[in-house]
Protein backbone atom coordinates (compact mmCIF):
# COMPACT_ATOMS: atom_id res chain seq x y z
CA MET A 1 -19.28 13.64 -4.73
CA THR A 2 -19.59 16.64 -2.41
CA PHE A 3 -21.15 19.91 -3.48
CA ARG A 4 -17.75 21.64 -3.14
CA SER A 5 -15.83 19.15 -5.29
CA SER A 6 -18.63 19.20 -7.84
CA GLY A 7 -18.49 23.00 -8.05
CA ARG A 8 -14.74 23.02 -8.41
CA ARG A 9 -14.86 20.43 -11.18
CA ILE A 10 -17.47 22.38 -13.08
CA LEU A 11 -15.50 25.62 -12.79
CA SER A 12 -12.20 23.89 -13.57
CA GLY A 13 -13.68 22.42 -16.73
CA LEU A 14 -14.90 25.83 -17.88
CA LEU A 15 -11.55 27.47 -17.23
CA LEU A 16 -9.56 24.75 -18.91
CA ALA A 17 -11.78 25.03 -21.95
CA LEU A 18 -11.17 28.77 -22.07
CA VAL A 19 -7.50 28.88 -21.10
CA ALA A 20 -5.86 25.66 -22.12
CA GLY A 21 -8.35 23.85 -24.30
CA GLY A 22 -10.21 24.95 -27.39
CA ALA A 23 -10.73 23.68 -30.87
CA ALA A 24 -8.98 20.58 -32.14
CA LEU A 25 -5.77 20.92 -34.09
CA HIS A 26 -6.15 21.22 -37.84
CA GLY A 27 -3.85 19.48 -40.24
CA ALA A 28 -4.31 22.08 -42.96
CA ARG A 29 -4.37 25.85 -43.03
CA PRO A 30 -7.82 27.10 -42.02
CA SER A 31 -9.90 29.03 -44.51
CA ARG A 32 -9.27 32.74 -43.98
CA PRO A 33 -11.65 35.29 -45.49
CA SER A 34 -9.08 38.05 -45.02
CA LYS A 35 -5.54 38.41 -46.35
CA LEU A 36 -4.54 40.67 -43.48
CA PRO A 37 -1.58 39.35 -41.47
CA ASN A 38 -1.85 38.22 -37.88
CA ILE A 39 0.25 40.22 -35.42
CA VAL A 40 1.97 38.75 -32.38
CA LEU A 41 3.77 41.17 -30.05
CA ILE A 42 5.85 39.56 -27.29
CA VAL A 43 7.15 41.89 -24.56
CA ALA A 44 9.67 40.62 -22.01
CA ASP A 45 9.92 42.19 -18.56
CA ASP A 46 13.23 43.84 -17.57
CA LEU A 47 15.23 42.09 -20.31
CA GLY A 48 18.37 44.04 -21.11
CA TYR A 49 19.76 45.04 -24.49
CA GLY A 50 22.65 42.63 -24.00
CA ASP A 51 20.75 39.65 -22.55
CA LEU A 52 20.27 37.79 -25.87
CA GLY A 53 22.87 35.94 -27.88
CA CYS A 54 21.93 37.87 -31.03
CA TYR A 55 22.77 41.08 -29.15
CA GLY A 56 26.13 39.87 -27.88
CA GLN A 57 25.30 37.69 -24.85
CA THR A 58 27.80 34.82 -24.50
CA ARG A 59 26.79 33.05 -21.26
CA ILE A 60 23.00 32.79 -21.39
CA ARG A 61 21.52 30.50 -24.04
CA THR A 62 18.76 32.00 -26.19
CA PRO A 63 18.70 29.76 -29.30
CA HIS A 64 15.09 30.41 -30.31
CA LEU A 65 15.37 34.20 -30.21
CA ASP A 66 18.75 34.02 -31.94
CA ARG A 67 17.10 31.99 -34.70
CA LEU A 68 14.25 34.50 -34.86
CA ALA A 69 16.80 37.26 -35.46
CA ALA A 70 18.68 35.14 -38.02
CA GLU A 71 15.44 34.58 -39.93
CA GLY A 72 14.20 38.14 -39.55
CA LEU A 73 15.11 41.76 -38.82
CA ARG A 74 17.08 42.90 -35.77
CA PHE A 75 16.88 46.56 -34.73
CA THR A 76 19.96 47.96 -33.00
CA GLN A 77 18.50 51.31 -31.87
CA ALA A 78 15.04 50.49 -30.53
CA TYR A 79 13.75 52.33 -27.48
CA ALA A 80 11.26 51.47 -24.77
CA GLY A 81 8.61 53.97 -23.76
CA ASN A 82 10.15 54.42 -20.33
CA THR A 83 12.66 52.94 -17.94
CA VAL A 84 9.97 51.26 -15.76
CA CYS A 85 7.03 49.12 -16.76
CA ALA A 86 3.67 50.91 -16.51
CA PRO A 87 4.57 54.12 -18.39
CA SER A 88 6.56 52.09 -20.89
CA ARG A 89 3.61 49.85 -21.64
CA CYS A 90 1.27 52.82 -21.83
CA ALA A 91 3.48 54.47 -24.45
CA LEU A 92 3.62 51.22 -26.40
CA MET A 93 -0.12 50.62 -26.26
CA THR A 94 -1.27 54.18 -27.05
CA GLY A 95 1.44 55.56 -29.35
CA ARG A 96 2.23 58.49 -27.06
CA HIS A 97 5.52 59.15 -25.29
CA THR A 98 5.60 59.90 -21.57
CA GLY A 99 5.23 63.62 -22.12
CA HIS A 100 1.73 63.05 -23.47
CA ALA A 101 0.65 59.60 -22.26
CA ARG A 102 -1.98 58.99 -19.60
CA ILE A 103 0.38 56.93 -17.44
CA ARG A 104 3.75 58.55 -16.76
CA SER A 105 4.86 56.71 -13.63
CA ASN A 106 4.35 53.42 -11.83
CA ALA A 107 1.59 54.91 -9.69
CA GLN A 108 -1.86 53.34 -9.94
CA VAL A 109 -3.43 55.14 -12.90
CA PRO A 110 -5.83 53.40 -15.31
CA LEU A 111 -6.33 54.16 -18.98
CA GLU A 112 -9.47 56.19 -19.68
CA PRO A 113 -12.16 55.67 -22.36
CA ASP A 114 -10.65 58.34 -24.60
CA ASP A 115 -7.29 56.55 -24.70
CA ILE A 116 -7.04 54.67 -28.00
CA THR A 117 -5.06 51.43 -27.90
CA ILE A 118 -3.51 49.18 -30.52
CA ALA A 119 -6.34 46.69 -29.97
CA GLU A 120 -8.99 49.31 -30.68
CA VAL A 121 -7.24 50.45 -33.85
CA LEU A 122 -6.91 46.88 -35.12
CA ARG A 123 -10.52 46.09 -34.20
CA ASN A 124 -11.54 48.62 -36.84
CA ALA A 125 -9.69 46.50 -39.41
CA GLY A 126 -11.47 43.30 -38.34
CA TYR A 127 -8.95 41.89 -35.87
CA LYS A 128 -9.73 39.96 -32.72
CA SER A 129 -7.31 40.89 -29.93
CA GLY A 130 -6.09 38.97 -26.91
CA ALA A 131 -3.78 40.08 -24.08
CA VAL A 132 -1.94 37.42 -22.11
CA GLY A 133 0.45 38.18 -19.25
CA LYS A 134 1.14 41.45 -17.46
CA TRP A 135 -1.16 44.40 -18.22
CA ALA A 136 -0.35 47.22 -15.70
CA LEU A 137 -2.70 49.77 -17.33
CA GLY A 138 -5.81 49.37 -15.18
CA TRP A 139 -7.06 46.99 -12.53
CA GLU A 140 -10.38 45.26 -11.89
CA GLY A 141 -13.45 47.47 -12.21
CA THR A 142 -11.65 50.37 -13.92
CA THR A 143 -11.80 51.86 -17.39
CA GLY A 144 -8.26 50.61 -17.93
CA HIS A 145 -9.21 46.92 -17.87
CA PRO A 146 -8.07 45.26 -21.13
CA ASN A 147 -11.64 44.19 -21.95
CA ALA A 148 -12.55 47.91 -21.87
CA GLN A 149 -9.60 48.79 -24.10
CA GLY A 150 -10.27 46.67 -27.18
CA PHE A 151 -9.18 43.20 -26.05
CA THR A 152 -11.85 40.52 -26.24
CA GLU A 153 -9.72 38.06 -24.26
CA PHE A 154 -7.41 38.52 -21.28
CA LEU A 155 -5.48 36.11 -19.08
CA GLY A 156 -2.87 37.20 -16.56
CA TYR A 157 -2.08 39.97 -14.11
CA LEU A 158 -3.89 43.30 -14.18
CA ASP A 159 -1.61 44.93 -11.60
CA GLN A 160 2.17 45.23 -11.98
CA VAL A 161 2.88 44.45 -8.32
CA HIS A 162 0.72 41.33 -8.49
CA ALA A 163 2.85 40.34 -11.50
CA HIS A 164 5.92 40.03 -9.26
CA ASP A 165 4.53 36.68 -8.05
CA TYR A 166 5.46 33.69 -10.22
CA TYR A 167 3.32 31.31 -8.14
CA PRO A 168 0.21 33.47 -7.62
CA ALA A 169 -2.87 32.37 -5.73
CA PHE A 170 -4.90 33.64 -8.68
CA LEU A 171 -4.74 35.08 -12.18
CA TRP A 172 -7.41 37.06 -13.98
CA ARG A 173 -9.35 35.52 -16.85
CA ASN A 174 -11.21 38.53 -18.26
CA ALA A 175 -13.26 39.82 -15.28
CA LEU A 176 -13.08 36.62 -13.22
CA PRO A 177 -10.25 35.32 -11.05
CA PHE A 178 -8.82 31.89 -11.77
CA PHE A 179 -7.23 30.05 -8.84
CA PRO A 180 -4.48 27.58 -9.90
CA PRO A 181 -5.11 24.57 -7.62
CA GLY A 182 -1.42 24.01 -6.94
CA ASN A 183 -0.98 27.48 -5.46
CA GLN A 184 -3.67 27.30 -2.79
CA ASN A 185 -3.30 26.90 0.99
CA GLY A 186 0.32 28.01 1.01
CA ARG A 187 1.45 25.72 -1.80
CA ARG A 188 3.51 27.10 -4.69
CA THR A 189 3.68 24.44 -7.41
CA GLU A 190 2.10 25.98 -10.55
CA TYR A 191 4.42 28.36 -12.43
CA ALA A 192 2.38 31.21 -13.87
CA PRO A 193 4.39 31.55 -17.13
CA ALA A 194 3.34 28.00 -18.02
CA TRP A 195 -0.31 29.07 -17.74
CA LEU A 196 0.41 32.20 -19.78
CA LEU A 197 1.97 30.13 -22.57
CA LYS A 198 -1.14 27.91 -22.63
CA GLY A 199 -3.31 31.01 -22.84
CA ALA A 200 -1.25 32.48 -25.70
CA THR A 201 -1.18 29.37 -27.87
CA ASN A 202 -4.85 28.69 -27.18
CA PHE A 203 -5.79 32.21 -28.30
CA VAL A 204 -3.98 31.53 -31.59
CA ARG A 205 -5.82 28.22 -31.92
CA LEU A 206 -9.21 29.82 -31.40
CA CYS A 207 -8.53 32.68 -33.84
CA GLU A 208 -6.57 30.99 -36.61
CA ASP A 209 -9.36 31.42 -39.18
CA ARG A 210 -9.38 35.23 -38.91
CA PRO A 211 -6.84 38.05 -38.41
CA PHE A 212 -5.77 38.29 -34.78
CA PHE A 213 -3.55 40.42 -32.57
CA LEU A 214 -1.87 38.67 -29.66
CA TYR A 215 -0.22 40.87 -27.03
CA PHE A 216 1.85 38.34 -25.09
CA THR A 217 3.69 39.80 -22.10
CA PRO A 218 5.44 37.13 -20.01
CA ILE A 219 6.76 38.38 -16.68
CA LEU A 220 10.26 36.98 -17.21
CA PRO A 221 12.93 37.85 -16.10
CA HIS A 222 11.47 40.32 -13.57
CA ALA A 223 12.27 39.66 -9.90
CA ASN A 224 9.68 38.90 -7.26
CA ASN A 225 10.75 41.88 -5.15
CA GLU A 226 8.71 40.79 -2.16
CA ARG A 227 10.81 37.63 -1.75
CA GLY A 228 14.15 39.39 -1.39
CA THR A 229 17.15 37.39 -2.58
CA ASN A 230 14.83 34.46 -3.39
CA GLY A 231 12.96 36.59 -5.91
CA MET A 232 14.43 35.14 -9.10
CA GLU A 233 11.81 32.42 -9.34
CA VAL A 234 12.12 29.60 -11.84
CA PRO A 235 11.06 25.95 -11.59
CA ASP A 236 14.43 24.53 -12.57
CA LEU A 237 17.94 25.95 -13.00
CA GLY A 238 18.51 23.49 -15.84
CA GLU A 239 21.99 23.55 -17.31
CA TYR A 240 22.94 26.54 -15.15
CA ALA A 241 22.78 24.48 -11.96
CA ARG A 242 26.33 23.30 -12.71
CA GLU A 243 27.75 26.82 -13.09
CA ASP A 244 29.93 28.36 -10.40
CA TRP A 245 27.82 31.52 -10.33
CA PRO A 246 25.94 33.31 -7.55
CA ALA A 247 22.50 31.77 -7.04
CA PRO A 248 20.56 34.84 -8.28
CA GLU A 249 22.57 34.87 -11.51
CA LYS A 250 21.92 31.17 -12.15
CA ALA A 251 18.22 31.81 -11.68
CA LYS A 252 18.26 34.86 -13.94
CA ALA A 253 19.95 32.89 -16.71
CA ALA A 254 17.42 30.08 -16.29
CA MET A 255 14.55 32.58 -16.45
CA ILE A 256 15.83 34.07 -19.71
CA THR A 257 16.31 30.64 -21.25
CA TYR A 258 12.79 29.70 -20.07
CA LEU A 259 11.49 32.87 -21.78
CA ASP A 260 13.42 31.94 -24.92
CA ASP A 261 11.81 28.48 -24.89
CA MET A 262 8.36 30.07 -24.54
CA VAL A 263 9.02 32.16 -27.65
CA GLY A 264 10.20 29.03 -29.42
CA GLN A 265 6.96 27.25 -28.55
CA VAL A 266 4.86 30.15 -29.85
CA ILE A 267 6.78 30.08 -33.14
CA ALA A 268 6.51 26.29 -33.35
CA ASP A 269 2.76 26.55 -32.81
CA LEU A 270 2.47 29.09 -35.63
CA ARG A 271 4.46 26.81 -37.92
CA LYS A 272 2.35 23.78 -36.97
CA ARG A 273 -0.81 25.69 -37.85
CA ARG A 274 0.79 26.93 -41.08
CA LEU A 275 0.36 30.51 -39.94
CA ASP A 276 4.04 31.48 -39.97
CA ASP A 277 4.01 33.19 -43.37
CA THR A 278 0.83 35.11 -42.53
CA THR A 279 1.97 36.34 -39.11
CA LEU A 280 4.16 39.28 -38.15
CA VAL A 281 5.95 38.54 -34.87
CA LEU A 282 7.80 41.19 -32.89
CA PHE A 283 9.80 40.58 -29.73
CA THR A 284 11.02 43.31 -27.39
CA SER A 285 11.34 44.35 -23.72
CA ASP A 286 9.64 47.02 -21.64
CA ASN A 287 12.87 48.55 -20.24
CA GLY A 288 16.46 47.75 -19.33
CA PRO A 289 17.77 45.11 -16.90
CA HIS A 290 16.98 45.28 -13.19
CA GLN A 291 19.26 45.16 -10.16
CA GLU A 292 16.95 43.36 -7.74
CA SER A 293 16.87 40.15 -5.67
CA GLY A 294 20.67 39.99 -5.61
CA VAL A 295 21.12 40.28 -9.38
CA GLN A 296 24.00 42.41 -10.64
CA PRO A 297 23.43 43.48 -14.28
CA GLN A 298 27.15 43.68 -14.97
CA PHE A 299 27.56 39.95 -14.23
CA PHE A 300 26.16 39.10 -17.68
CA GLN A 301 26.80 42.55 -19.17
CA SER A 302 23.03 42.77 -19.51
CA SER A 303 23.12 46.31 -20.88
CA GLY A 304 25.67 45.29 -23.50
CA PRO A 305 27.98 48.20 -24.31
CA LEU A 306 25.49 50.74 -22.97
CA ARG A 307 25.49 52.82 -19.80
CA GLY A 308 22.76 52.42 -17.21
CA ILE A 309 20.07 49.93 -16.21
CA LYS A 310 16.37 49.98 -15.29
CA ARG A 311 15.40 53.33 -13.69
CA ASP A 312 18.10 55.17 -15.66
CA LEU A 313 17.39 57.36 -18.68
CA TYR A 314 20.78 56.50 -20.08
CA GLU A 315 20.78 54.09 -23.01
CA GLY A 316 21.02 50.93 -20.91
CA GLY A 317 17.75 51.78 -19.18
CA ILE A 318 15.70 52.48 -22.30
CA ARG A 319 17.36 50.87 -25.34
CA VAL A 320 15.95 47.37 -25.79
CA PRO A 321 16.07 44.39 -28.14
CA LEU A 322 13.58 44.49 -31.01
CA ILE A 323 13.28 41.58 -33.43
CA ALA A 324 10.75 41.39 -36.29
CA TRP A 325 9.96 38.08 -37.99
CA TRP A 326 7.65 37.39 -40.91
CA PRO A 327 8.84 34.58 -43.21
CA GLY A 328 8.52 35.43 -46.88
CA THR A 329 8.03 39.13 -46.15
CA ILE A 330 10.89 40.25 -43.90
CA ALA A 331 14.30 39.43 -45.35
CA ALA A 332 16.24 36.97 -43.23
CA GLY A 333 19.37 38.01 -41.36
CA THR A 334 18.91 41.77 -41.72
CA THR A 335 19.68 44.53 -39.23
CA ASN A 336 18.54 48.12 -39.06
CA SER A 337 20.14 50.95 -37.13
CA ARG A 338 17.43 53.55 -37.62
CA PRO A 339 16.17 54.76 -34.22
CA VAL A 340 12.63 53.58 -33.50
CA ALA A 341 10.55 53.63 -30.32
CA LEU A 342 7.87 51.33 -28.98
CA TRP A 343 5.34 54.15 -29.28
CA ASP A 344 5.87 53.72 -33.04
CA LEU A 345 4.21 50.29 -32.90
CA LEU A 346 0.60 51.53 -32.98
CA PRO A 347 0.96 53.42 -36.28
CA THR A 348 3.20 50.65 -37.65
CA PHE A 349 0.58 47.98 -36.97
CA ALA A 350 -2.14 50.24 -38.35
CA GLU A 351 -0.23 50.56 -41.64
CA VAL A 352 0.43 46.82 -41.81
CA ALA A 353 -3.29 46.17 -41.22
CA GLY A 354 -4.36 48.75 -43.80
CA THR A 355 -6.24 50.91 -41.32
CA THR A 356 -5.88 54.45 -40.00
CA ALA A 357 -4.00 55.43 -36.87
CA PRO A 358 -5.35 58.21 -34.65
CA LYS A 359 -4.10 61.72 -35.30
CA GLY A 360 -1.73 63.51 -32.97
CA LEU A 361 0.40 60.51 -32.00
CA ASP A 362 4.04 60.82 -31.05
CA GLY A 363 4.73 57.56 -32.85
CA ALA A 364 5.28 57.21 -36.58
CA SER A 365 5.03 54.06 -38.66
CA PHE A 366 8.22 52.21 -39.53
CA ALA A 367 6.32 49.58 -41.55
CA PRO A 368 8.40 50.24 -44.73
CA LEU A 369 11.47 48.94 -42.88
CA LEU A 370 9.71 45.59 -42.45
CA PHE A 371 9.33 45.35 -46.20
CA GLY A 372 12.97 46.21 -46.92
CA ARG A 373 12.30 49.80 -47.94
CA LYS A 374 13.83 52.99 -46.60
CA LEU A 375 12.06 55.65 -44.61
CA GLU A 376 12.58 58.96 -46.34
CA ARG A 377 11.44 61.11 -43.43
CA GLU A 378 13.69 61.93 -40.51
CA PRO A 379 12.82 60.32 -37.16
CA LYS A 380 10.68 62.42 -34.85
CA PRO A 381 12.40 63.63 -31.68
CA PHE A 382 12.24 61.09 -28.84
CA TYR A 383 11.29 62.10 -25.31
CA TRP A 384 11.20 60.37 -21.91
CA GLU A 385 10.50 61.48 -18.36
CA PHE A 386 10.94 59.55 -15.12
CA HIS A 387 9.37 60.36 -11.75
CA GLU A 388 10.75 57.94 -9.17
CA ARG A 389 13.85 60.09 -8.63
CA GLY A 390 12.30 63.47 -9.12
CA TYR A 391 11.50 64.92 -12.52
CA GLN A 392 14.18 63.46 -14.80
CA LYS A 393 14.06 63.93 -18.55
CA ALA A 394 15.84 62.68 -21.66
CA ALA A 395 15.51 63.35 -25.36
CA ARG A 396 17.08 62.28 -28.60
CA ILE A 397 17.19 64.35 -31.79
CA GLY A 398 19.26 62.81 -34.55
CA ASP A 399 22.37 61.37 -32.95
CA TRP A 400 22.29 63.84 -30.06
CA LYS A 401 21.03 62.59 -26.70
CA ALA A 402 20.26 64.86 -23.74
CA VAL A 403 19.79 63.72 -20.15
CA GLN A 404 18.61 66.04 -17.38
CA LEU A 405 18.75 64.49 -13.91
CA ALA A 406 16.84 67.31 -12.20
CA THR A 407 15.04 70.45 -13.32
CA ASN A 408 17.65 72.64 -11.59
CA GLN A 409 20.60 70.87 -13.23
CA PRO A 410 22.12 71.50 -16.66
CA ILE A 411 21.60 68.86 -19.32
CA GLU A 412 24.21 66.30 -20.17
CA LEU A 413 24.85 65.88 -23.89
CA TYR A 414 26.07 62.78 -25.70
CA ASP A 415 26.89 62.06 -29.34
CA LEU A 416 25.44 58.56 -29.75
CA LYS A 417 27.03 58.10 -33.16
CA SER A 418 30.54 58.18 -31.76
CA ASP A 419 29.73 57.43 -28.12
CA PRO A 420 26.76 55.02 -27.76
CA GLY A 421 27.93 54.16 -24.25
CA GLU A 422 27.49 57.80 -23.14
CA ALA A 423 30.95 57.94 -21.61
CA ARG A 424 31.69 61.56 -22.49
CA ASN A 425 29.45 64.55 -21.77
CA VAL A 426 30.08 66.99 -24.64
CA ALA A 427 27.69 69.75 -23.55
CA ALA A 428 30.46 72.31 -23.10
CA GLU A 429 31.69 71.87 -26.68
CA ASN A 430 28.25 72.12 -28.30
CA PRO A 431 26.32 75.11 -26.88
CA THR A 432 24.02 75.41 -29.91
CA VAL A 433 22.90 71.79 -29.61
CA VAL A 434 22.45 72.24 -25.86
CA ARG A 435 20.15 75.21 -26.45
CA GLU A 436 18.09 73.27 -29.01
CA LEU A 437 17.66 70.25 -26.76
CA THR A 438 17.00 72.38 -23.67
CA GLU A 439 14.16 74.08 -25.52
CA TYR A 440 12.78 70.74 -26.64
CA LEU A 441 12.90 69.32 -23.10
CA THR A 442 10.98 72.37 -21.94
CA THR A 443 8.20 72.11 -24.53
CA ALA A 444 7.91 68.36 -25.27
CA ALA A 445 5.55 67.47 -22.40
CA ASP A 446 2.07 68.49 -21.38
CA PRO A 447 1.68 69.85 -17.84
CA TRP A 448 1.40 66.98 -15.39
CA THR A 449 0.63 66.64 -11.70
CA PRO A 450 1.63 63.42 -9.96
CA PRO A 451 -1.59 61.48 -9.35
CA ALA A 452 -2.83 60.72 -5.88
CA GLU A 453 -2.81 57.00 -5.19
CA PRO A 454 -6.43 55.76 -5.20
CA LYS A 455 -7.84 54.68 -1.87
CA VAL A 456 -8.81 51.25 -3.11
CA GLN A 457 -7.31 47.84 -2.56
CA VAL A 458 -6.08 46.12 -5.68
CA ALA A 459 -6.30 42.34 -5.56
CA GLY A 460 -2.89 40.71 -5.72
CA ARG A 461 -1.00 43.48 -3.97
CA PRO A 462 0.52 42.61 -0.59
CA GLY A 463 -2.01 43.18 2.17
CA SER A 464 -5.02 43.16 -0.16
CA PRO A 465 -7.66 40.44 0.12
CA LEU A 466 -8.05 37.85 -2.59
CA PRO A 467 -11.01 38.31 -4.94
CA PRO A 468 -14.00 36.01 -4.37
CA ASN A 469 -13.46 32.57 -5.85
CA PRO A 470 -16.02 31.89 -8.64
CA ALA A 471 -15.96 28.23 -7.56
CA ASP A 472 -17.66 29.28 -4.34
CA ARG A 473 -20.47 30.87 -6.36
CA VAL A 474 -20.91 27.69 -8.38
CA GLU A 475 -20.96 25.63 -5.20
CA GLY A 476 -23.56 27.98 -3.71
CA LEU A 477 -25.76 27.54 -6.76
CA ILE A 478 -25.38 23.76 -6.56
CA ARG A 479 -26.23 23.75 -2.86
CA ALA A 480 -29.26 25.98 -3.43
CA THR A 481 -30.44 23.86 -6.37
CA ASN A 482 -30.02 20.60 -4.50
CA ALA A 483 -31.76 22.01 -1.41
CA ALA A 484 -34.71 23.17 -3.52
CA SER A 485 -34.89 19.78 -5.22
CA TYR A 486 -34.86 18.03 -1.84
CA LYS A 487 -37.77 20.18 -0.61
CA ARG A 488 -39.81 19.36 -3.71
CA ARG A 489 -39.56 15.63 -3.13
């Protein structure tokens, strides 16, 4: 055996033990010293409000998520933190909307030490937290790395552009890169979501005897923008290969069904370990459906009855699926139309875990809804801002929704109760409401200056070098050790 093959085998064994291996399966429920529920949060990437069968989709098969909704609670007015990924995920993770959050655009900005995340809040209650998939809140060597933000385990992509690649040359495993063998030297044979699923189910396996929080963020059905019209990457079109559809639409459908199957496997794993009745599972998306790599959102009516797509502050860009499942606790087959936002998840999880959320959050707990109770308080006002097309803003107070496409333009006003598709601007008929929402849009956000892009290369972005392969370090140690041994002879 050569030094190089020996080093690679040693490293491969370590990684497989960490990522895909672990403790043996148990036939009985493990002894748990705590009665706190586990929490699994699954966040899709660019999945539209209308992309699931339980939200009206008729052409794409999503049987596992449809069953999840039939056995749980389906929200019909749930909102993402933003209409693009990084600010949306920041709002979700920190409980602050984009008027107050650290990350307000898709520019490279890491979380800072004083940002408090869901994982840090749950750690105070005794939870172990793992993040698997796309992070987008800080890259290698920054204070925004998930290991610096309360997560003891991480597997996936730190950078959102790196996460475009479904056959990456490497993924991160905590602070070290992992190089899938089938994606080296120009080959593209190992589908990253398959590795992410292994990482997610293995984290559950390793933590099943204590309360855990799994933040599972598959990259489906985002496009690999760098590959143009070939960017809807999926190993197999499956049943959609027979459809007389444009190739990008076949691939999109296959990606969503692949995502659905991943969710089904996570649920099956929880059932197998007899953790289903002690685990709260939530499924959602980070923003509305994209129009990239040849995909046309209207082909599948991916926004459902809503106006707009990703990068719009209309409902189709920010209203997302949200399904909550907890057998024996959440009543099966229920729906809820109360408006909630993903920045409400931090205080909601804190209440479920019996711990305290930080003060001054924009989010508010909706945990009573999970237990079949009403929320007596009125929803807080919702606020969004978007910076890729200038300084666009939107807000919702009650059933009134305001959209301002530029600071020098008047707001558009929509009555979402009678017009959820935002077809009719009723600003002229409601001057008092316009004044109220204009004032709110003016005062809802802290002052913000667009950040300067850091002058550093982020591994995984086009044009950036790959990180050093840990296998090379192992091989170097083996060579040095063998050389020293040879000299001692």
